């Protein structure tokens, strides 16, 4: 983690560490079962697993190495300098102050022409980080509220959350690929083996697909849990850096309430970046997502934590 003045949260760090440990156990169990299965699978089956691992590694590496470029293109954001108008000048001024407070390098800044009020930061390290803010967010928040949101997002950069989430997602990517390849591979006996080989290949393929499905489901839930922890940690770190948790709480309330005014089609178009956003691109109470599957804690949970921080700072 980059050495900054962002305050650590030992409780949340311990919980994130436990979640990563559990993901590691799932990975070990996944590999162990694959090794046992591969001992009974023909060379073609082993090749499918090898291809899934290699492709999964390439996808994970690509999403990490080019995360800033992918996010900019997906959001339609454009990098801005302080001379690109009053909004850009204000954005740079706020980030300059936060970088001085946090003692960290300044990320590249970009503005996305979207009415949906949101922001996100991504990049594999501080040198490649980019902070994106929508025009809708800047129009709805005052300067201190905007500062709270940006402090939250820059905390993700300081704590290398993109790297953490990419590593955590690796096993899920492999498991998902293995399941998909199983539908089309010779593990079902692609017609090239004899009758006995085909009959033996079918149960092996089903077992391998079942292992992939179970592994993906468990890793998916653990990754969602880890994502919620990192959002709480970013809220806390941002609030303590600025010393104004009430402003971050006000921004959260405004942004969450404004989602109800955004057309559903626009929210759906933005769902690809939900894991990065300050708040998910969902209408309050919509989409039937339970807390278990959410990338973010509930608004109530986040506001409660910020209220507790306000009480601590007021003592």
Protein backbone atom coordinates (compact mmCIF):
# COMPACT_ATOMS: atom_id res chain seq x y z
CA UNK A 1 0.00 0.00 0.00
CA UNK A 2 1.24 3.51 -0.82
CA UNK A 3 2.33 5.44 2.27
CA UNK A 4 -0.18 8.28 2.63
CA UNK A 5 -1.91 10.11 5.44
CA UNK A 6 -5.11 8.15 4.93
CA UNK A 7 -6.07 6.72 8.32
CA UNK A 8 -5.96 2.92 8.59
CA UNK A 9 -8.94 0.94 9.84
CA UNK A 10 -7.62 -2.15 11.60
CA UNK A 11 -11.07 -3.69 12.03
CA UNK A 12 -12.00 -3.46 8.36
CA UNK A 13 -8.47 -4.43 7.34
CA UNK A 14 -8.73 -7.59 9.45
CA UNK A 15 -12.09 -8.46 7.88
CA UNK A 16 -10.74 -7.89 4.37
CA UNK A 17 -7.71 -10.01 5.26
CA UNK A 18 -9.99 -12.83 6.47
CA UNK A 19 -12.01 -12.62 3.26
CA UNK A 20 -8.85 -12.87 1.17
CA UNK A 21 -7.75 -15.84 3.29
CA UNK A 22 -11.06 -17.59 2.60
CA UNK A 23 -10.65 -16.89 -1.11
CA UNK A 24 -7.21 -18.47 -0.86
CA UNK A 25 -8.70 -21.58 0.73
CA UNK A 26 -11.26 -21.78 -2.07
CA UNK A 27 -8.42 -21.48 -4.60
CA UNK A 28 -6.44 -24.30 -2.93
CA UNK A 29 -9.51 -26.53 -2.80
CA UNK A 30 -10.30 -25.71 -6.44
CA UNK A 31 -6.78 -26.61 -7.61
CA UNK A 32 -6.72 -29.79 -5.51
CA UNK A 33 -9.98 -31.04 -6.97
CA UNK A 34 -8.83 -30.16 -10.51
CA UNK A 35 -5.60 -32.12 -10.02
CA UNK A 36 -7.56 -35.16 -8.82
CA UNK A 37 -9.94 -34.92 -11.77
CA UNK A 38 -7.18 -34.38 -14.30
CA UNK A 39 -5.59 -37.66 -13.22
CA UNK A 40 -8.65 -39.37 -14.67
CA UNK A 41 -9.13 -37.12 -17.72
CA UNK A 42 -7.67 -37.60 -21.18
CA UNK A 43 -5.11 -35.11 -22.53
CA UNK A 44 -7.85 -33.13 -24.26
CA UNK A 45 -9.51 -32.49 -20.89
CA UNK A 46 -6.27 -31.30 -19.38
CA UNK A 47 -5.80 -28.99 -22.35
CA UNK A 48 -9.20 -27.39 -21.74
CA UNK A 49 -8.30 -26.66 -18.11
CA UNK A 50 -4.89 -25.31 -19.12
CA UNK A 51 -6.49 -23.03 -21.71
CA UNK A 52 -9.02 -21.76 -19.14
CA UNK A 53 -6.22 -20.91 -16.70
CA UNK A 54 -4.12 -19.14 -19.33
CA UNK A 55 -7.06 -17.18 -20.74
CA UNK A 56 -8.19 -16.27 -17.22
CA UNK A 57 -4.70 -14.96 -16.42
CA UNK A 58 -4.64 -12.92 -19.65
CA UNK A 59 -8.07 -11.40 -18.93
CA UNK A 60 -7.16 -10.57 -15.33
CA UNK A 61 -3.83 -9.04 -16.36
CA UNK A 62 -5.46 -7.04 -19.15
CA UNK A 63 -8.22 -5.68 -16.90
CA UNK A 64 -5.60 -4.63 -14.36
CA UNK A 65 -3.00 -3.20 -16.74
CA UNK A 66 -5.50 -1.26 -18.87
CA UNK A 67 -8.17 -0.60 -16.24
CA UNK A 68 -7.80 3.18 -16.59
CA UNK A 69 -8.17 3.14 -20.38
CA UNK A 70 -11.09 0.68 -20.25
CA UNK A 71 -12.91 2.77 -17.65
CA UNK A 72 -12.42 6.01 -19.57
CA UNK A 73 -13.77 4.49 -22.76
CA UNK A 74 -16.70 2.80 -21.02
CA UNK A 75 -17.77 5.98 -19.23
CA UNK A 76 -17.13 8.28 -22.20
CA UNK A 77 -14.99 10.51 -19.97
CA UNK A 78 -12.40 12.99 -21.25
CA UNK A 79 -9.23 13.93 -19.41
CA UNK A 80 -9.17 17.61 -18.45
CA UNK A 81 -6.58 20.20 -17.44
CA UNK A 82 -7.19 23.18 -15.13
CA UNK A 83 -7.62 25.35 -18.24
CA UNK A 84 -10.56 23.37 -19.65
CA UNK A 85 -13.30 25.49 -18.12
CA UNK A 86 -14.64 26.34 -14.65
CA UNK A 87 -15.71 22.77 -13.81
CA UNK A 88 -12.27 21.41 -14.66
CA UNK A 89 -10.58 24.19 -12.71
CA UNK A 90 -12.69 23.47 -9.62
CA UNK A 91 -12.04 19.73 -9.91
CA UNK A 92 -8.28 20.27 -10.10
CA UNK A 93 -8.34 22.68 -7.16
CA UNK A 94 -10.19 20.20 -4.93
CA UNK A 95 -7.91 17.30 -5.90
CA UNK A 96 -4.78 19.44 -5.39
CA UNK A 97 -5.89 20.12 -1.82
CA UNK A 98 -6.67 16.46 -1.15
CA UNK A 99 -3.32 15.33 -2.55
CA UNK A 100 -1.58 17.78 -0.22
CA UNK A 101 -3.62 16.50 2.74
CA UNK A 102 -3.00 12.85 1.87
CA UNK A 103 0.61 13.34 0.73
CA UNK A 104 0.08 11.31 -2.43
CA UNK A 105 0.69 11.85 -6.17
CA UNK A 106 -2.04 13.57 -8.13
CA UNK A 107 -4.08 11.25 -10.38
CA UNK A 108 -5.16 12.18 -13.89
CA UNK A 109 -8.57 13.83 -13.87
CA UNK A 110 -11.45 13.30 -16.27
CA UNK A 111 -15.04 14.46 -16.59
CA UNK A 112 -17.81 12.26 -17.99
CA UNK A 113 -20.74 14.06 -19.70
CA UNK A 114 -23.47 12.23 -17.81
CA UNK A 115 -26.38 13.49 -15.73
CA UNK A 116 -26.05 10.53 -13.37
CA UNK A 117 -24.24 11.87 -10.28
CA UNK A 118 -21.26 9.62 -9.66
CA UNK A 119 -17.48 9.30 -9.53
CA UNK A 120 -14.88 6.55 -9.60
CA UNK A 121 -11.13 6.05 -9.50
CA UNK A 122 -9.17 3.26 -11.09
CA UNK A 123 -5.64 2.34 -12.12
CA UNK A 124 -3.12 -0.30 -11.07
CA UNK A 125 -1.01 2.23 -9.12
CA UNK A 126 -0.77 5.93 -8.32
CA UNK A 127 1.23 6.64 -11.49
CA UNK A 128 -1.52 5.23 -13.71
CA UNK A 129 -4.53 6.28 -11.65
CA UNK A 130 -7.39 8.27 -13.14
CA UNK A 131 -10.21 9.94 -11.22
CA UNK A 132 -13.47 10.39 -13.13
CA UNK A 133 -16.34 12.67 -12.11
CA UNK A 134 -19.64 13.11 -13.93
CA UNK A 135 -21.04 16.53 -14.76
CA UNK A 136 -24.18 15.50 -12.88
CA UNK A 137 -22.20 15.03 -9.66
CA UNK A 138 -20.44 18.39 -9.91
CA UNK A 139 -23.73 20.16 -10.60
CA UNK A 140 -25.51 18.66 -7.57
CA UNK A 141 -22.84 18.87 -4.85
CA UNK A 142 -21.25 21.85 -3.15
CA UNK A 143 -17.48 22.07 -2.88
CA UNK A 144 -17.17 20.39 0.53
CA UNK A 145 -19.46 17.52 -0.48
CA UNK A 146 -17.48 17.05 -3.69
CA UNK A 147 -14.29 17.02 -1.62
CA UNK A 148 -15.70 14.21 0.53
CA UNK A 149 -16.58 12.10 -2.51
CA UNK A 150 -13.19 12.62 -4.13
CA UNK A 151 -11.40 11.82 -0.85
CA UNK A 152 -13.33 8.53 -0.80
CA UNK A 153 -12.31 7.72 -4.38
CA UNK A 154 -8.66 8.65 -3.89
CA UNK A 155 -8.59 6.31 -0.91
CA UNK A 156 -9.20 3.44 -3.35
CA UNK A 157 -6.09 4.50 -5.26
CA UNK A 158 -3.97 4.85 -2.11
CA UNK A 159 -5.02 1.39 -0.92
CA UNK A 160 -4.55 -0.24 -4.36
CA UNK A 161 -8.09 -1.57 -4.34
CA UNK A 162 -8.05 -2.28 -8.08
CA UNK A 163 -5.13 -4.67 -7.62
CA UNK A 164 -6.78 -6.30 -4.60
CA UNK A 165 -10.08 -6.88 -6.41
CA UNK A 166 -8.34 -8.17 -9.56
CA UNK A 167 -6.37 -10.73 -7.56
CA UNK A 168 -9.51 -11.71 -5.66
CA UNK A 169 -11.46 -12.16 -8.91
CA UNK A 170 -8.88 -14.40 -10.60
CA UNK A 171 -10.24 -17.72 -9.36
CA UNK A 172 -13.81 -16.73 -10.24
CA UNK A 173 -12.72 -15.90 -13.80
CA UNK A 174 -11.08 -19.31 -14.21
CA UNK A 175 -14.08 -21.14 -12.77
CA UNK A 176 -16.50 -19.27 -15.06
CA UNK A 177 -14.37 -20.01 -18.12
CA UNK A 178 -14.11 -23.67 -17.18
CA UNK A 179 -17.88 -23.97 -16.93
CA UNK A 180 -18.39 -22.24 -20.27
CA UNK A 181 -15.75 -24.29 -22.06
CA UNK A 182 -17.29 -27.45 -20.66
CA UNK A 183 -20.41 -26.91 -22.75
CA UNK A 184 -18.44 -26.89 -25.99
CA UNK A 185 -15.38 -28.99 -25.27
CA UNK A 186 -14.44 -32.59 -25.87
CA UNK A 187 -15.08 -33.24 -22.20
CA UNK A 188 -18.53 -34.26 -23.41
CA UNK A 189 -16.92 -36.78 -25.70
CA UNK A 190 -16.76 -34.66 -28.90
CA UNK A 191 -17.25 -37.67 -31.15
CA UNK A 192 -13.56 -38.54 -31.53
CA UNK A 193 -13.32 -41.20 -28.80
CA UNK A 194 -14.74 -44.67 -28.68
CA UNK A 195 -17.92 -45.64 -26.85
CA UNK A 196 -16.23 -46.47 -23.53
CA UNK A 197 -14.23 -43.24 -23.55
CA UNK A 198 -17.34 -41.23 -24.28
CA UNK A 199 -19.29 -42.80 -21.44
CA UNK A 200 -16.39 -42.15 -19.04
CA UNK A 201 -15.87 -38.59 -20.25
CA UNK A 202 -19.44 -37.50 -19.55
CA UNK A 203 -19.43 -37.97 -15.74
CA UNK A 204 -15.93 -36.48 -15.51
CA UNK A 205 -17.10 -33.43 -17.47
CA UNK A 206 -20.17 -33.02 -15.27
CA UNK A 207 -18.06 -33.27 -12.11
CA UNK A 208 -15.61 -30.68 -13.43
CA UNK A 209 -18.43 -28.31 -14.40
CA UNK A 210 -20.05 -28.77 -11.00
CA UNK A 211 -16.75 -27.91 -9.32
CA UNK A 212 -16.48 -24.80 -11.48
CA UNK A 213 -20.04 -23.69 -10.67
CA UNK A 214 -19.62 -24.16 -6.92
CA UNK A 215 -16.22 -22.44 -6.95
CA UNK A 216 -17.58 -19.49 -8.92
CA UNK A 217 -20.60 -19.13 -6.62
CA UNK A 218 -18.48 -19.13 -3.44
CA UNK A 219 -15.84 -16.78 -4.86
CA UNK A 220 -18.57 -14.45 -6.18
CA UNK A 221 -20.11 -14.07 -2.71
CA UNK A 222 -16.72 -13.55 -1.05
CA UNK A 223 -15.72 -10.93 -3.65
CA UNK A 224 -18.98 -9.06 -3.09
CA UNK A 225 -18.29 -9.13 0.67
CA UNK A 226 -14.76 -7.83 0.07
CA UNK A 227 -16.12 -5.07 -2.16
CA UNK A 228 -18.51 -3.89 0.54
CA UNK A 229 -15.69 -3.84 3.09
CA UNK A 230 -13.48 -1.73 0.84
CA UNK A 231 -16.30 0.79 0.31
CA UNK A 232 -16.76 1.17 4.07
CA UNK A 233 -13.00 1.55 4.47
CA UNK A 234 -12.93 4.24 1.76
CA UNK A 235 -15.81 6.11 3.43
CA UNK A 236 -13.97 6.09 6.74
CA UNK A 237 -10.60 7.06 5.26
CA UNK A 238 -12.11 9.89 3.20
CA UNK A 239 -14.14 11.24 6.13
CA UNK A 240 -11.13 11.28 8.45
CA UNK A 241 -8.88 12.88 5.83
CA UNK A 242 -11.21 15.83 5.28
CA UNK A 243 -12.43 15.91 8.88
CA UNK A 244 -16.02 16.39 7.63
CA UNK A 245 -17.90 13.07 7.70
CA UNK A 246 -21.21 14.99 7.68
CA UNK A 247 -20.38 16.37 4.22
CA UNK A 248 -19.68 12.89 2.87
CA UNK A 249 -22.96 11.72 4.41
CA UNK A 250 -24.76 14.64 2.76
CA UNK A 251 -23.20 13.75 -0.60
CA UNK A 252 -24.24 10.10 -0.20
CA UNK A 253 -27.82 11.12 0.54
CA UNK A 254 -27.98 13.53 -2.41
CA UNK A 255 -26.46 11.07 -4.88
CA UNK A 256 -28.63 8.13 -3.77
CA UNK A 257 -31.77 10.27 -3.92
CA UNK A 258 -30.89 11.64 -7.36
CA UNK A 259 -30.72 8.11 -8.82
CA UNK A 260 -34.54 8.06 -8.84
CA UNK A 261 -34.49 10.90 -11.38
CA UNK A 262 -32.15 9.15 -13.82
CA UNK A 263 -33.76 7.20 -16.72
CA UNK A 264 -33.58 3.44 -16.21
CA UNK A 265 -31.86 2.92 -19.58
CA UNK A 266 -29.04 5.26 -18.53
CA UNK A 267 -28.57 3.40 -15.26
CA UNK A 268 -28.44 0.06 -17.08
CA UNK A 269 -25.85 1.42 -19.49
CA UNK A 270 -23.68 2.41 -16.52
CA UNK A 271 -23.96 -0.92 -14.66
CA UNK A 272 -20.63 -2.16 -16.06
CA UNK A 273 -18.85 0.28 -13.73
CA UNK A 274 -20.97 -0.36 -10.63
CA UNK A 275 -18.10 -1.95 -8.72
CA UNK A 276 -16.04 1.24 -9.23
CA UNK A 277 -18.73 3.87 -8.62
CA UNK A 278 -19.12 5.94 -5.45
CA UNK A 279 -22.68 4.59 -5.33
CA UNK A 280 -24.11 1.87 -7.61
CA UNK A 281 -26.08 2.94 -10.68
CA UNK A 282 -29.40 1.70 -9.37
CA UNK A 283 -32.66 3.36 -8.41
CA UNK A 284 -33.15 3.25 -4.62
CA UNK A 285 -34.89 0.00 -3.71
CA UNK A 286 -34.89 -1.26 -7.32
CA UNK A 287 -33.43 -4.25 -9.15
CA UNK A 288 -34.20 -6.64 -6.30
CA UNK A 289 -30.57 -6.86 -5.23
CA UNK A 290 -30.15 -8.12 -1.71
CA UNK A 291 -27.26 -6.99 0.47
CA UNK A 292 -25.67 -10.39 -0.10
CA UNK A 293 -25.10 -9.72 -3.81
CA UNK A 294 -24.43 -5.97 -3.66
CA UNK A 295 -21.05 -4.42 -4.48
CA UNK A 296 -21.74 -1.62 -1.95
CA UNK A 297 -23.04 -1.52 1.62
CA UNK A 298 -26.55 -0.17 2.09
CA UNK A 299 -27.00 3.59 2.37
CA UNK A 300 -28.13 3.12 5.96
CA UNK A 301 -24.95 1.22 6.87
CA UNK A 302 -22.72 3.86 5.31
CA UNK A 303 -24.56 6.73 6.98
CA UNK A 304 -24.43 4.96 10.32
CA UNK A 305 -20.65 4.58 10.08
CA UNK A 306 -20.23 8.25 9.16
CA UNK A 307 -22.44 9.26 12.08
CA UNK A 308 -20.22 7.24 14.41
CA UNK A 309 -17.12 8.96 12.99
CA UNK A 310 -18.75 12.38 13.53
CA UNK A 311 -19.38 11.47 17.16
CA UNK A 312 -15.77 10.34 17.58
CA UNK A 313 -14.38 13.56 16.07
CA UNK A 314 -16.70 15.64 18.26
CA UNK A 315 -15.30 14.26 21.51
